Protein backbone atom coordinates (compact mmCIF):
# COMPACT_ATOMS: atom_id res chain seq x y z
CA MET A 1 -37.39 -19.89 29.41
CA ALA A 2 -37.96 -22.88 31.21
CA THR A 3 -40.58 -24.82 31.70
CA HIS A 4 -42.39 -27.03 34.82
CA PRO A 5 -44.76 -29.72 35.05
CA SER A 6 -48.03 -28.92 36.39
CA LYS A 7 -49.88 -29.67 39.47
CA GLN A 8 -51.70 -31.79 37.41
CA PHE A 9 -49.34 -33.85 35.83
CA MET A 10 -47.10 -34.08 39.34
CA LYS A 11 -51.07 -35.28 40.81
CA CYS A 12 -50.92 -37.82 37.39
CA LEU A 13 -47.05 -38.96 38.21
CA GLN A 14 -47.89 -39.26 42.43
CA TYR A 15 -51.38 -40.89 41.23
CA ALA A 16 -49.19 -43.11 39.02
CA ALA A 17 -46.79 -44.43 41.78
CA HIS A 18 -48.98 -44.79 44.56
CA LYS A 19 -51.40 -47.40 41.85
CA HIS A 20 -48.18 -49.14 40.97
CA SER A 21 -46.46 -49.05 44.33
CA GLU A 22 -46.74 -52.76 44.98
CA GLN A 23 -45.81 -54.35 41.30
CA ARG A 24 -42.54 -55.06 40.52
CA ARG A 25 -41.15 -55.94 36.44
CA LYS A 26 -39.94 -59.48 35.20
CA ASP A 27 -36.59 -58.74 34.94
CA PRO A 28 -33.78 -60.12 37.51
CA LYS A 29 -33.85 -57.17 39.36
CA CYS A 30 -37.54 -56.99 39.81
CA THR A 31 -37.27 -53.29 38.97
CA PRO A 32 -40.22 -51.31 40.04
CA TYR A 33 -42.96 -51.16 37.98
CA VAL A 34 -43.68 -47.68 38.26
CA ASN A 35 -40.20 -46.92 36.09
CA HIS A 36 -41.52 -48.25 33.36
CA VAL A 37 -44.78 -45.74 33.01
CA ILE A 38 -42.27 -43.01 33.92
CA ASN A 39 -39.92 -44.00 30.97
CA VAL A 40 -42.35 -44.01 28.99
CA SER A 41 -43.49 -40.73 29.65
CA THR A 42 -39.75 -39.64 29.78
CA ILE A 43 -38.99 -41.40 25.90
CA LEU A 44 -42.27 -39.15 24.67
CA ALA A 45 -40.94 -36.15 26.13
CA VAL A 46 -37.01 -35.92 25.32
CA GLU A 47 -36.49 -38.40 22.51
CA ALA A 48 -39.81 -37.35 20.92
CA GLY A 49 -40.08 -34.07 21.63
CA VAL A 50 -43.88 -34.56 22.67
CA GLN A 51 -45.46 -31.12 24.77
CA ASP A 52 -48.46 -32.34 24.90
CA GLU A 53 -49.15 -32.46 28.95
CA ALA A 54 -51.84 -34.85 28.11
CA VAL A 55 -50.24 -37.29 26.15
CA LEU A 56 -47.31 -37.55 28.62
CA MET A 57 -50.59 -37.55 31.36
CA ALA A 58 -51.89 -40.97 29.60
CA ALA A 59 -48.13 -42.40 29.27
CA LEU A 60 -48.01 -42.28 33.11
CA LEU A 61 -51.26 -43.89 33.31
CA HIS A 62 -50.81 -46.17 30.15
CA ASP A 63 -51.09 -49.37 32.48
CA VAL A 64 -52.93 -47.80 35.73
CA VAL A 65 -56.43 -49.59 34.35
CA GLU A 66 -55.17 -52.87 32.93
CA ASP A 67 -52.44 -53.85 35.77
CA THR A 68 -53.96 -51.66 39.27
CA ASP A 69 -58.05 -51.63 40.85
CA ALA A 70 -58.19 -48.02 39.19
CA THR A 71 -61.17 -47.26 36.54
CA PHE A 72 -61.44 -45.78 33.68
CA ALA A 73 -64.13 -43.52 35.94
CA ASP A 74 -61.62 -43.08 38.38
CA VAL A 75 -58.79 -41.81 35.70
CA GLU A 76 -61.87 -39.39 34.31
CA ALA A 77 -62.56 -37.74 37.05
CA LEU A 78 -59.49 -37.52 38.55
CA PHE A 79 -57.18 -36.14 34.86
CA GLY A 80 -60.43 -35.46 32.75
CA SER A 81 -61.64 -37.07 29.76
CA ASP A 82 -59.09 -36.44 27.10
CA VAL A 83 -56.78 -37.98 28.98
CA CYS A 84 -59.03 -41.01 29.95
CA ASN A 85 -59.92 -40.99 26.04
CA LEU A 86 -55.61 -42.17 25.24
CA VAL A 87 -55.30 -44.73 28.52
CA CYS A 88 -58.54 -46.28 26.74
CA GLN A 89 -57.28 -46.67 23.88
CA VAL A 90 -53.87 -48.02 25.10
CA THR A 91 -55.69 -50.14 27.24
CA ASP A 92 -56.02 -53.80 27.00
CA ASP A 93 -59.47 -56.07 27.74
CA LYS A 94 -58.04 -58.31 30.49
CA SER A 95 -61.02 -60.12 30.16
CA LEU A 96 -59.99 -61.52 27.38
CA GLU A 97 -57.35 -64.51 25.91
CA LYS A 98 -54.34 -63.61 25.99
CA GLN A 99 -53.59 -64.34 22.43
CA GLU A 100 -56.70 -62.10 21.25
CA ARG A 101 -55.06 -59.26 23.00
CA LYS A 102 -52.06 -59.11 21.49
CA ARG A 103 -53.90 -59.95 18.17
CA LEU A 104 -56.02 -56.80 19.03
CA GLN A 105 -52.86 -54.87 20.06
CA ILE A 106 -51.76 -55.35 16.20
CA VAL A 107 -55.06 -54.81 14.45
CA ASN A 108 -55.99 -51.91 17.14
CA ALA A 109 -53.14 -50.26 16.44
CA ALA A 110 -53.71 -48.97 13.00
CA LYS A 111 -57.60 -47.29 13.82
CA SER A 112 -55.93 -45.75 16.95
CA SER A 113 -55.56 -41.66 17.49
CA SER A 114 -51.96 -40.42 16.61
CA ARG A 115 -51.58 -39.54 19.96
CA ALA A 116 -52.48 -42.39 21.36
CA LYS A 117 -49.88 -44.07 19.12
CA LEU A 118 -47.21 -41.73 20.37
CA ILE A 119 -47.83 -43.58 23.70
CA LYS A 120 -47.66 -46.90 22.03
CA LEU A 121 -44.42 -46.40 20.20
CA ALA A 122 -42.92 -45.42 23.30
CA ASP A 123 -44.41 -48.01 25.56
CA LYS A 124 -42.96 -50.79 22.68
CA LEU A 125 -39.87 -48.58 22.72
CA ASP A 126 -39.10 -49.24 26.69
CA ASN A 127 -39.90 -52.54 26.64
CA LEU A 128 -37.94 -53.40 23.91
CA ARG A 129 -34.85 -52.12 25.18
CA ASP A 130 -35.62 -54.32 28.40
CA LEU A 131 -35.99 -57.00 26.68
CA GLN A 132 -32.45 -56.99 24.72
CA ILE A 133 -30.81 -57.11 28.38
CA ASN A 134 -33.24 -58.81 30.18
CA THR A 135 -34.82 -61.74 29.86
CA PRO A 136 -38.42 -62.13 32.22
CA SER A 137 -38.19 -64.21 35.03
CA GLY A 138 -39.96 -67.23 33.88
CA TRP A 139 -39.80 -66.91 29.93
CA THR A 140 -37.98 -68.87 27.54
CA GLU A 141 -35.17 -67.27 24.72
CA GLU A 142 -37.63 -68.23 22.06
CA ARG A 143 -40.85 -66.44 24.38
CA ARG A 144 -38.18 -63.41 24.31
CA GLU A 145 -37.90 -63.31 20.14
CA GLN A 146 -41.24 -63.91 20.45
CA TYR A 147 -42.26 -60.81 21.75
CA PHE A 148 -39.87 -59.14 19.10
CA VAL A 149 -41.27 -60.62 16.60
CA TRP A 150 -44.94 -59.20 17.91
CA ALA A 151 -44.09 -55.77 18.62
CA LYS A 152 -42.66 -55.35 15.51
CA LYS A 153 -46.33 -56.25 13.86
CA VAL A 154 -48.30 -53.51 15.89
CA VAL A 155 -45.00 -50.99 15.25
CA ASP A 156 -45.82 -51.64 11.67
CA ASN A 157 -49.04 -50.82 12.29
CA LEU A 158 -47.96 -47.48 14.28
CA ARG A 159 -46.03 -46.44 11.31
CA GLY A 160 -46.21 -42.54 10.12
CA THR A 161 -46.50 -41.05 13.63
CA ASN A 162 -42.78 -40.30 15.08
CA SER A 163 -39.93 -40.50 13.34
CA ALA A 164 -37.27 -40.60 16.12
CA LEU A 165 -39.49 -43.30 17.82
CA GLU A 166 -39.72 -45.22 14.67
CA GLN A 167 -36.24 -45.21 13.80
CA GLN A 168 -35.11 -46.27 17.10
CA LEU A 169 -37.17 -48.96 16.96
CA ASP A 170 -36.23 -49.98 13.43
CA ASP A 171 -32.84 -50.09 15.19
CA ILE A 172 -33.59 -53.17 17.74
CA PHE A 173 -35.58 -54.64 14.64
CA ARG A 174 -32.89 -54.61 13.07
CA GLN A 175 -30.03 -56.18 15.49
CA ARG A 176 -32.85 -58.75 15.79
CA CYS A 177 -32.59 -59.42 12.07
CA LEU A 178 -36.05 -58.55 11.47
CA MET A 179 -35.86 -55.66 9.31
């Protein structure tokens, strides 16, 4: 029996597309940013076998509060407290300095729920796959390499969550001689 996305999931996809519509990735092609959040949700569904719709929806929304005018109150009103809680767990506090946000991602990774950890793993996997083939505009090669090192520290605190995603991340880290 085929499964179909729920109306709520499709509403979430449309909301993410609308909120991120003017944003672009920093790759040479300036790829629409919404591709990233769709990739994260797809990685979870297809590669990690996640069927928890709240997790898949939160993956679509994982950057919406951090990078758009959306608020946690908006997310909760539209998609419920479960999705909002997951989004909250994976959202950086933009009022903090960048290095502090990065440090907190490492520290908070271990404290996150297993469902939030799935989103973080898929997010890192998509970002690292992109970084393997593209150096973002304005980044030096050194900054790119530092991202791989930092991402491994985050992933190390997410271990034991999903072996399929962790294996793919480890393959990337091995290619970068980080393992």
